[in-house]
Amino acid sequence: MKYGKQFIIPLAGAAPGSCQSDYHIDSRFFEQYPENEIQSCDIRITLNLIRQEDSLVLVFGLSGKLGLICDRCLDPYDLEIEDEESVLIKLGKKGEASGDDECLPADVQEIDVRQYIYDLILLRIPFRRVHPDDESGQSRCDAEVLRRLEELSQKKDTDSRWDRLKDMQNN
């Protein structure tokens, strides 16, 4: 089976009710999204699709780890994620959706959940990606890089023109 077909769920002729699908997300999944910063991935996703008369509810359970690059020391680290998220999709005419709701035609034949999975994973990545602290509260970043950063931040080579402007602002 071509990679990606497992993310397409047929809806044609499906009666109201629920069905469950399990996915393993690895680095191959992110090859179709070249602009991401994920180095590696090992995530298990459980999708419970609940079909109702006029809507679909997608309940995603995510569990696993992402390989990222630390913004502070540039070493790789693993970010553990575990979460559950629901997505409501209304079935009706295009444009009937209100607010943040998504709307698909009532006669939709299938739904591709790849973009939902991609978005849910990316939303779990913190804005500032740094190694988590250990149990004693110490940084797990590369100690040599942290020492060098501290040295560089201590140097105060300033331009005297800026110093004069700062003096004017303080008066």
N, C-alpha and C. Protein backbone atom coordinates (compact mmCIF):
# COMPACT_ATOMS: atom_id res chain seq x y z
N MET A 1 0.84 -1.18 0.00
CA MET A 1 0.00 0.00 0.00
C MET A 1 0.89 1.24 0.00
N LYS A 2 0.57 2.19 -0.85
CA LYS A 2 1.30 3.45 -0.93
C LYS A 2 1.16 4.20 0.39
N TYR A 3 2.29 4.76 0.88
CA TYR A 3 2.25 5.46 2.15
C TYR A 3 1.33 6.67 2.03
N GLY A 4 0.41 6.81 2.95
CA GLY A 4 -0.53 7.91 2.95
C GLY A 4 -1.96 7.45 2.76
N LYS A 5 -2.13 6.29 2.08
CA LYS A 5 -3.49 5.80 1.85
C LYS A 5 -4.18 5.39 3.15
N GLN A 6 -3.40 5.00 4.14
CA GLN A 6 -4.00 4.57 5.41
C GLN A 6 -4.66 5.73 6.15
N PHE A 7 -4.38 6.97 5.74
CA PHE A 7 -4.95 8.14 6.40
C PHE A 7 -6.27 8.59 5.75
N ILE A 8 -6.68 7.90 4.70
CA ILE A 8 -7.93 8.22 4.02
C ILE A 8 -9.01 7.26 4.53
N ILE A 9 -10.04 7.83 5.13
CA ILE A 9 -11.11 7.03 5.72
C ILE A 9 -12.34 7.14 4.84
N PRO A 10 -12.84 6.01 4.32
CA PRO A 10 -14.04 6.06 3.48
C PRO A 10 -15.28 6.35 4.33
N LEU A 11 -16.14 7.21 3.82
CA LEU A 11 -17.37 7.57 4.52
C LEU A 11 -18.62 7.17 3.74
N ALA A 12 -18.46 6.87 2.48
CA ALA A 12 -19.61 6.57 1.62
C ALA A 12 -20.37 5.37 2.16
N GLY A 13 -21.65 5.56 2.38
CA GLY A 13 -22.51 4.47 2.84
C GLY A 13 -22.36 4.11 4.30
N ALA A 14 -21.51 4.83 5.02
CA ALA A 14 -21.32 4.52 6.44
C ALA A 14 -22.51 5.02 7.25
N ALA A 15 -23.01 4.17 8.09
CA ALA A 15 -24.14 4.53 8.96
C ALA A 15 -23.62 5.30 10.16
N PRO A 16 -24.48 6.07 10.81
CA PRO A 16 -24.04 6.75 12.03
C PRO A 16 -23.50 5.74 13.05
N GLY A 17 -22.46 6.14 13.72
CA GLY A 17 -21.78 5.28 14.68
C GLY A 17 -20.33 5.67 14.77
N SER A 18 -19.54 4.80 15.36
CA SER A 18 -18.12 5.14 15.49
C SER A 18 -17.25 4.02 14.96
N CYS A 19 -16.05 4.40 14.56
CA CYS A 19 -15.03 3.44 14.16
C CYS A 19 -13.70 3.95 14.67
N GLN A 20 -12.79 3.03 14.87
CA GLN A 20 -11.49 3.41 15.44
C GLN A 20 -10.38 2.99 14.49
N SER A 21 -9.36 3.84 14.38
CA SER A 21 -8.19 3.55 13.57
C SER A 21 -6.95 3.87 14.40
N ASP A 22 -5.91 3.09 14.21
CA ASP A 22 -4.65 3.32 14.90
C ASP A 22 -3.57 3.59 13.86
N TYR A 23 -2.73 4.57 14.16
CA TYR A 23 -1.67 4.97 13.25
C TYR A 23 -0.35 5.05 14.00
N HIS A 24 0.72 4.71 13.29
CA HIS A 24 2.07 4.94 13.80
C HIS A 24 2.70 6.02 12.93
N ILE A 25 3.03 7.13 13.55
CA ILE A 25 3.62 8.26 12.82
C ILE A 25 5.13 8.23 13.03
N ASP A 26 5.88 8.19 11.93
CA ASP A 26 7.33 8.22 12.00
C ASP A 26 7.85 9.31 11.06
N SER A 27 9.12 9.31 10.81
CA SER A 27 9.73 10.37 9.99
C SER A 27 9.19 10.39 8.56
N ARG A 28 8.73 9.25 8.05
CA ARG A 28 8.18 9.21 6.69
C ARG A 28 6.98 10.13 6.55
N PHE A 29 6.19 10.22 7.60
CA PHE A 29 5.00 11.07 7.57
C PHE A 29 5.38 12.52 7.29
N PHE A 30 6.48 12.99 7.86
CA PHE A 30 6.87 14.39 7.74
C PHE A 30 7.63 14.69 6.45
N GLU A 31 7.95 13.69 5.66
CA GLU A 31 8.62 13.92 4.38
C GLU A 31 7.74 14.72 3.42
N GLN A 32 6.43 14.61 3.56
CA GLN A 32 5.52 15.37 2.69
C GLN A 32 5.35 16.81 3.14
N TYR A 33 5.95 17.17 4.29
CA TYR A 33 5.91 18.53 4.82
C TYR A 33 7.36 18.99 5.04
N PRO A 34 8.06 19.38 3.99
CA PRO A 34 9.49 19.67 4.12
C PRO A 34 9.83 20.89 4.99
N GLU A 35 8.87 21.76 5.27
CA GLU A 35 9.18 22.98 6.02
C GLU A 35 9.19 22.77 7.53
N ASN A 36 8.97 21.57 8.02
CA ASN A 36 8.92 21.36 9.47
C ASN A 36 10.32 21.18 10.05
N GLU A 37 10.44 21.28 11.36
CA GLU A 37 11.72 21.19 12.04
C GLU A 37 11.84 19.92 12.87
N ILE A 38 11.03 18.94 12.58
CA ILE A 38 11.04 17.68 13.33
C ILE A 38 12.14 16.78 12.77
N GLN A 39 13.05 16.35 13.63
CA GLN A 39 14.18 15.52 13.22
C GLN A 39 13.81 14.04 13.18
N SER A 40 13.01 13.61 14.14
CA SER A 40 12.57 12.22 14.19
C SER A 40 11.21 12.19 14.89
N CYS A 41 10.53 11.07 14.75
CA CYS A 41 9.19 10.98 15.31
C CYS A 41 8.84 9.52 15.58
N ASP A 42 8.22 9.29 16.71
CA ASP A 42 7.69 7.97 17.06
C ASP A 42 6.42 8.21 17.88
N ILE A 43 5.30 8.35 17.18
CA ILE A 43 4.04 8.69 17.85
C ILE A 43 2.98 7.67 17.45
N ARG A 44 2.23 7.25 18.43
CA ARG A 44 1.06 6.40 18.22
C ARG A 44 -0.18 7.28 18.30
N ILE A 45 -1.05 7.12 17.32
CA ILE A 45 -2.29 7.90 17.30
C ILE A 45 -3.46 6.94 17.22
N THR A 46 -4.41 7.17 18.09
CA THR A 46 -5.67 6.44 18.05
C THR A 46 -6.73 7.45 17.62
N LEU A 47 -7.42 7.13 16.55
CA LEU A 47 -8.47 8.01 16.04
C LEU A 47 -9.81 7.31 16.22
N ASN A 48 -10.70 7.97 16.93
CA ASN A 48 -12.06 7.48 17.07
C ASN A 48 -12.93 8.44 16.26
N LEU A 49 -13.49 7.95 15.15
CA LEU A 49 -14.34 8.76 14.28
C LEU A 49 -15.79 8.45 14.63
N ILE A 50 -16.51 9.46 15.02
CA ILE A 50 -17.92 9.32 15.38
C ILE A 50 -18.74 10.02 14.31
N ARG A 51 -19.51 9.23 13.57
CA ARG A 51 -20.35 9.81 12.51
C ARG A 51 -21.75 10.01 13.05
N GLN A 52 -22.23 11.24 12.93
CA GLN A 52 -23.59 11.58 13.31
C GLN A 52 -24.33 11.99 12.05
N GLU A 53 -25.60 12.28 12.17
CA GLU A 53 -26.40 12.62 11.00
C GLU A 53 -25.85 13.84 10.25
N ASP A 54 -25.45 14.86 10.99
CA ASP A 54 -25.04 16.11 10.36
C ASP A 54 -23.62 16.54 10.68
N SER A 55 -22.82 15.62 11.24
CA SER A 55 -21.44 15.99 11.58
C SER A 55 -20.57 14.76 11.77
N LEU A 56 -19.28 15.04 11.81
CA LEU A 56 -18.27 14.04 12.16
C LEU A 56 -17.51 14.58 13.35
N VAL A 57 -17.19 13.72 14.30
CA VAL A 57 -16.34 14.09 15.42
C VAL A 57 -15.12 13.19 15.34
N LEU A 58 -13.95 13.82 15.24
CA LEU A 58 -12.69 13.08 15.21
C LEU A 58 -12.02 13.27 16.56
N VAL A 59 -11.82 12.18 17.28
CA VAL A 59 -11.15 12.23 18.58
C VAL A 59 -9.79 11.58 18.42
N PHE A 60 -8.74 12.40 18.51
CA PHE A 60 -7.37 11.93 18.34
C PHE A 60 -6.71 11.75 19.69
N GLY A 61 -6.11 10.60 19.91
CA GLY A 61 -5.27 10.37 21.08
C GLY A 61 -3.83 10.25 20.61
N LEU A 62 -2.94 11.10 21.11
CA LEU A 62 -1.55 11.12 20.69
C LEU A 62 -0.66 10.70 21.85
N SER A 63 0.34 9.86 21.55
CA SER A 63 1.28 9.44 22.57
C SER A 63 2.59 9.06 21.90
N GLY A 64 3.69 9.62 22.37
CA GLY A 64 4.99 9.28 21.81
C GLY A 64 6.00 10.39 22.00
N LYS A 65 6.97 10.44 21.10
CA LYS A 65 8.02 11.45 21.23
C LYS A 65 8.43 12.00 19.87
N LEU A 66 8.84 13.27 19.92
CA LEU A 66 9.34 13.98 18.75
C LEU A 66 10.81 14.30 18.97
N GLY A 67 11.61 14.15 17.94
CA GLY A 67 13.01 14.55 18.00
C GLY A 67 13.15 15.97 17.47
N LEU A 68 13.61 16.87 18.33
CA LEU A 68 13.75 18.27 17.98
C LEU A 68 15.19 18.74 18.23
N ILE A 69 15.50 19.93 17.77
CA ILE A 69 16.79 20.56 18.02
C ILE A 69 16.59 21.65 19.08
N CYS A 70 17.43 21.63 20.10
CA CYS A 70 17.35 22.61 21.18
C CYS A 70 17.72 23.99 20.65
N ASP A 71 16.89 24.98 20.95
CA ASP A 71 17.16 26.35 20.52
C ASP A 71 18.35 26.96 21.25
N ARG A 72 18.66 26.46 22.44
CA ARG A 72 19.73 27.04 23.25
C ARG A 72 21.10 26.46 22.89
N CYS A 73 21.22 25.14 22.82
CA CYS A 73 22.55 24.54 22.61
C CYS A 73 22.69 23.82 21.27
N LEU A 74 21.62 23.72 20.51
CA LEU A 74 21.60 23.11 19.18
C LEU A 74 21.84 21.60 19.19
N ASP A 75 21.70 20.96 20.34
CA ASP A 75 21.77 19.50 20.41
C ASP A 75 20.38 18.91 20.23
N PRO A 76 20.30 17.71 19.70
CA PRO A 76 18.99 17.08 19.57
C PRO A 76 18.45 16.64 20.93
N TYR A 77 17.13 16.63 21.07
CA TYR A 77 16.49 16.10 22.27
C TYR A 77 15.12 15.58 21.91
N ASP A 78 14.57 14.74 22.78
CA ASP A 78 13.25 14.16 22.56
C ASP A 78 12.22 14.87 23.42
N LEU A 79 11.12 15.24 22.79
CA LEU A 79 9.99 15.86 23.47
C LEU A 79 8.89 14.82 23.59
N GLU A 80 8.55 14.46 24.82
CA GLU A 80 7.46 13.51 25.06
C GLU A 80 6.13 14.24 24.92
N ILE A 81 5.20 13.63 24.19
CA ILE A 81 3.87 14.21 24.07
C ILE A 81 2.83 13.14 24.37
N GLU A 82 1.79 13.56 25.03
CA GLU A 82 0.63 12.70 25.29
C GLU A 82 -0.56 13.63 25.46
N ASP A 83 -1.55 13.46 24.60
CA ASP A 83 -2.68 14.38 24.63
C ASP A 83 -3.86 13.77 23.89
N GLU A 84 -5.00 14.41 24.05
CA GLU A 84 -6.21 14.02 23.33
C GLU A 84 -6.86 15.30 22.82
N GLU A 85 -7.35 15.24 21.60
CA GLU A 85 -7.96 16.42 20.97
C GLU A 85 -9.14 15.98 20.11
N SER A 86 -10.18 16.79 20.10
CA SER A 86 -11.36 16.52 19.28
C SER A 86 -11.50 17.57 18.20
N VAL A 87 -11.96 17.14 17.04
CA VAL A 87 -12.22 18.03 15.92
C VAL A 87 -13.65 17.77 15.45
N LEU A 88 -14.45 18.84 15.35
CA LEU A 88 -15.82 18.74 14.88
C LEU A 88 -15.89 19.20 13.43
N ILE A 89 -16.46 18.36 12.58
CA ILE A 89 -16.64 18.70 11.17
C ILE A 89 -18.12 18.59 10.86
N LYS A 90 -18.70 19.70 10.46
CA LYS A 90 -20.13 19.70 10.11
C LYS A 90 -20.29 19.23 8.67
N LEU A 91 -21.37 18.50 8.44
CA LEU A 91 -21.69 18.03 7.10
C LEU A 91 -22.87 18.84 6.59
N GLY A 92 -22.74 19.42 5.44
CA GLY A 92 -23.79 20.27 4.88
C GLY A 92 -23.29 20.93 3.62
N LYS A 93 -23.71 22.13 3.39
CA LYS A 93 -23.26 22.88 2.23
C LYS A 93 -21.98 23.61 2.58
N LYS A 94 -21.08 23.70 1.61
CA LYS A 94 -19.85 24.46 1.80
C LYS A 94 -20.20 25.88 2.22
N GLY A 95 -19.51 26.39 3.23
CA GLY A 95 -19.76 27.75 3.67
C GLY A 95 -20.77 27.85 4.79
N GLU A 96 -21.38 26.74 5.20
CA GLU A 96 -22.34 26.77 6.29
C GLU A 96 -21.67 26.85 7.66
N ALA A 97 -20.41 26.57 7.71
CA ALA A 97 -19.70 26.53 9.00
C ALA A 97 -19.68 27.91 9.62
N SER A 98 -19.72 27.91 10.94
CA SER A 98 -19.64 29.18 11.67
C SER A 98 -18.46 29.12 12.61
N GLY A 99 -17.79 30.24 12.79
CA GLY A 99 -16.66 30.30 13.71
C GLY A 99 -15.51 29.43 13.24
N ASP A 100 -15.00 28.60 14.15
CA ASP A 100 -13.86 27.75 13.85
C ASP A 100 -14.26 26.39 13.27
N ASP A 101 -15.55 26.13 13.16
CA ASP A 101 -16.01 24.85 12.66
C ASP A 101 -15.65 24.69 11.19
N GLU A 102 -15.36 23.46 10.82
CA GLU A 102 -15.11 23.14 9.42
C GLU A 102 -16.36 22.51 8.86
N CYS A 103 -16.59 22.71 7.58
CA CYS A 103 -17.79 22.16 6.95
C CYS A 103 -17.40 21.43 5.67
N LEU A 104 -17.89 20.22 5.53
CA LEU A 104 -17.68 19.43 4.32
C LEU A 104 -19.04 19.15 3.68
N PRO A 105 -19.07 18.91 2.38
CA PRO A 105 -20.35 18.58 1.75
C PRO A 105 -20.96 17.34 2.40
N ALA A 106 -22.28 17.29 2.49
CA ALA A 106 -22.97 16.17 3.14
C ALA A 106 -22.73 14.85 2.41
N ASP A 107 -22.43 14.91 1.11
CA ASP A 107 -22.22 13.69 0.34
C ASP A 107 -20.73 13.33 0.18
N VAL A 108 -19.89 13.82 1.08
CA VAL A 108 -18.46 13.54 1.00
C VAL A 108 -18.24 12.02 1.05
N GLN A 109 -17.35 11.54 0.21
CA GLN A 109 -17.10 10.10 0.07
C GLN A 109 -16.02 9.59 1.02
N GLU A 110 -15.05 10.45 1.32
CA GLU A 110 -13.93 10.04 2.17
C GLU A 110 -13.33 11.27 2.84
N ILE A 111 -12.57 11.02 3.88
CA ILE A 111 -11.90 12.11 4.57
C ILE A 111 -10.44 11.72 4.78
N ASP A 112 -9.55 12.65 4.46
CA ASP A 112 -8.11 12.46 4.64
C ASP A 112 -7.72 13.15 5.95
N VAL A 113 -7.22 12.39 6.90
CA VAL A 113 -6.92 12.94 8.23
C VAL A 113 -5.46 13.36 8.39
N ARG A 114 -4.65 13.28 7.33
CA ARG A 114 -3.23 13.64 7.43
C ARG A 114 -3.01 15.06 7.94
N GLN A 115 -3.72 16.03 7.37
CA GLN A 115 -3.51 17.42 7.76
C GLN A 115 -3.91 17.64 9.21
N TYR A 116 -4.96 16.99 9.67
CA TYR A 116 -5.37 17.10 11.07
C TYR A 116 -4.27 16.57 11.99
N ILE A 117 -3.71 15.41 11.63
CA ILE A 117 -2.65 14.81 12.44
C ILE A 117 -1.43 15.71 12.46
N TYR A 118 -1.05 16.21 11.29
CA TYR A 118 0.12 17.11 11.20
C TYR A 118 -0.08 18.35 12.09
N ASP A 119 -1.24 18.97 11.97
CA ASP A 119 -1.51 20.17 12.77
C ASP A 119 -1.52 19.87 14.26
N LEU A 120 -2.12 18.76 14.65
CA LEU A 120 -2.18 18.41 16.07
C LEU A 120 -0.79 18.16 16.65
N ILE A 121 0.08 17.52 15.87
CA ILE A 121 1.44 17.28 16.34
C ILE A 121 2.20 18.60 16.46
N LEU A 122 2.12 19.44 15.43
CA LEU A 122 2.85 20.72 15.48
C LEU A 122 2.38 21.61 16.62
N LEU A 123 1.09 21.54 16.96
CA LEU A 123 0.59 22.36 18.05
C LEU A 123 1.11 21.89 19.41
N ARG A 124 1.69 20.72 19.48
CA ARG A 124 2.25 20.21 20.74
C ARG A 124 3.69 20.66 20.94
N ILE A 125 4.30 21.25 19.91
CA ILE A 125 5.69 21.70 20.01
C ILE A 125 5.71 23.08 20.65
N PRO A 126 6.48 23.25 21.72
CA PRO A 126 6.52 24.56 22.37
C PRO A 126 7.20 25.60 21.48
N PHE A 127 6.85 26.86 21.72
CA PHE A 127 7.43 27.96 20.95
C PHE A 127 8.95 27.99 21.14
N ARG A 128 9.39 27.82 22.37
CA ARG A 128 10.82 27.79 22.68
C ARG A 128 11.20 26.35 22.97
N ARG A 129 11.98 25.76 22.09
CA ARG A 129 12.35 24.36 22.20
C ARG A 129 13.70 24.23 22.89
N VAL A 130 13.68 23.82 24.14
CA VAL A 130 14.92 23.61 24.90
C VAL A 130 14.82 22.29 25.66
N HIS A 131 15.99 21.75 25.98
CA HIS A 131 16.02 20.51 26.77
C HIS A 131 15.23 20.71 28.06
N PRO A 132 14.45 19.73 28.44
CA PRO A 132 13.78 19.83 29.75
C PRO A 132 14.81 19.69 30.86
N ASP A 133 14.55 20.31 32.00
CA ASP A 133 15.45 20.20 33.14
C ASP A 133 15.37 18.80 33.72
N ASP A 134 16.46 18.38 34.38
CA ASP A 134 16.43 17.07 35.04
C ASP A 134 15.67 17.16 36.36
N GLU A 135 15.64 16.08 37.12
CA GLU A 135 14.86 16.02 38.36
C GLU A 135 15.31 17.07 39.39
N SER A 136 16.59 17.44 39.37
CA SER A 136 17.10 18.41 40.34
C SER A 136 16.98 19.85 39.84
N GLY A 137 16.38 20.06 38.67
CA GLY A 137 16.18 21.40 38.14
C GLY A 137 17.35 21.93 37.31
N GLN A 138 18.31 21.08 37.03
CA GLN A 138 19.48 21.48 36.23
C GLN A 138 19.19 21.28 34.74
N SER A 139 19.70 22.19 33.94
CA SER A 139 19.51 22.11 32.50
C SER A 139 20.24 20.90 31.93
N ARG A 140 19.64 20.25 30.95
CA ARG A 140 20.27 19.12 30.27
C ARG A 140 20.99 19.57 29.01
N CYS A 141 21.06 20.87 28.78
CA CYS A 141 21.77 21.39 27.61
C CYS A 141 23.26 21.12 27.73
N ASP A 142 23.94 21.18 26.60
CA ASP A 142 25.39 20.99 26.55
C ASP A 142 26.07 22.03 27.43
N ALA A 143 26.76 21.58 28.47
CA ALA A 143 27.38 22.47 29.46
C ALA A 143 28.42 23.40 28.81
N GLU A 144 29.17 22.90 27.85
CA GLU A 144 30.19 23.73 27.19
C GLU A 144 29.54 24.87 26.41
N VAL A 145 28.47 24.60 25.73
CA VAL A 145 27.77 25.63 24.97
C VAL A 145 27.18 26.66 25.92
N LEU A 146 26.59 26.23 27.03
CA LEU A 146 26.04 27.17 28.01
C LEU A 146 27.12 28.06 28.61
N ARG A 147 28.30 27.46 28.89
CA ARG A 147 29.41 28.25 29.43
C ARG A 147 29.84 29.31 28.42
N ARG A 148 29.96 28.93 27.15
CA ARG A 148 30.38 29.87 26.11
C ARG A 148 29.34 30.98 25.92
N LEU A 149 28.07 30.63 25.96
CA LEU A 149 27.01 31.64 25.85
C LEU A 149 27.08 32.64 27.00
N GLU A 150 27.36 32.14 28.18
CA GLU A 150 27.48 33.01 29.36
C GLU A 150 28.66 33.97 29.18
N GLU A 151 29.77 33.46 28.69
CA GLU A 151 30.94 34.32 28.45
C GLU A 151 30.61 35.42 27.44
N LEU A 152 29.95 35.05 26.37
CA LEU A 152 29.64 36.03 25.33
C LEU A 152 28.62 37.06 25.80
N SER A 153 27.71 36.66 26.65
CA SER A 153 26.72 37.62 27.13
C SER A 153 27.30 38.58 28.17
N GLN A 154 28.43 38.22 28.77
CA GLN A 154 29.06 39.07 29.77
C GLN A 154 29.82 40.23 29.11
N LYS A 155 30.27 40.02 27.88
CA LYS A 155 31.01 41.07 27.18
C LYS A 155 30.07 42.22 26.88
N LYS A 156 30.51 43.43 27.22
CA LYS A 156 29.66 44.61 27.00
C LYS A 156 30.40 45.61 26.11
N ASP A 157 30.60 45.21 24.87
CA ASP A 157 31.20 46.13 23.90
C ASP A 157 30.08 46.99 23.35
N THR A 158 30.02 48.23 23.80
CA THR A 158 28.95 49.10 23.33
C THR A 158 29.54 50.26 22.56
N ASP A 159 28.75 50.81 21.75
CA ASP A 159 29.11 51.97 20.96
C ASP A 159 28.79 53.20 21.82
N SER A 160 29.78 54.10 21.98
CA SER A 160 29.60 55.26 22.85
C SER A 160 28.45 56.16 22.39
N ARG A 161 28.14 56.16 21.11
CA ARG A 161 27.01 56.96 20.63
C ARG A 161 25.71 56.48 21.26
N TRP A 162 25.54 55.19 21.39
CA TRP A 162 24.33 54.64 22.00
C TRP A 162 24.30 54.95 23.49
N ASP A 163 25.45 54.94 24.13
CA ASP A 163 25.50 55.27 25.55
C ASP A 163 25.01 56.69 25.79
N ARG A 164 25.42 57.62 24.93
CA ARG A 164 24.96 59.00 25.07
C ARG A 164 23.45 59.12 24.87
N LEU A 165 22.90 58.36 23.92
CA LEU A 165 21.46 58.38 23.72
C LEU A 165 20.72 57.80 24.93
N LYS A 166 21.26 56.78 25.52
CA LYS A 166 20.65 56.20 26.72
C LYS A 166 20.66 57.21 27.86
N ASP A 167 21.78 57.95 27.97
CA ASP A 167 21.85 58.98 29.01
C ASP A 167 20.79 60.05 28.80
N MET A 168 20.56 60.42 27.55
CA MET A 168 19.55 61.42 27.26
C MET A 168 18.15 60.91 27.62
N GLN A 169 17.92 59.63 27.40
CA GLN A 169 16.61 59.04 27.71
C GLN A 169 16.39 59.00 29.21
N ASN A 170 17.41 58.78 29.99
CA ASN A 170 17.28 58.67 31.44
C ASN A 170 17.08 60.03 32.10
N ASN A 171 17.37 61.11 31.41
CA ASN A 171 17.21 62.45 32.01
C ASN A 171 15.83 62.99 31.82
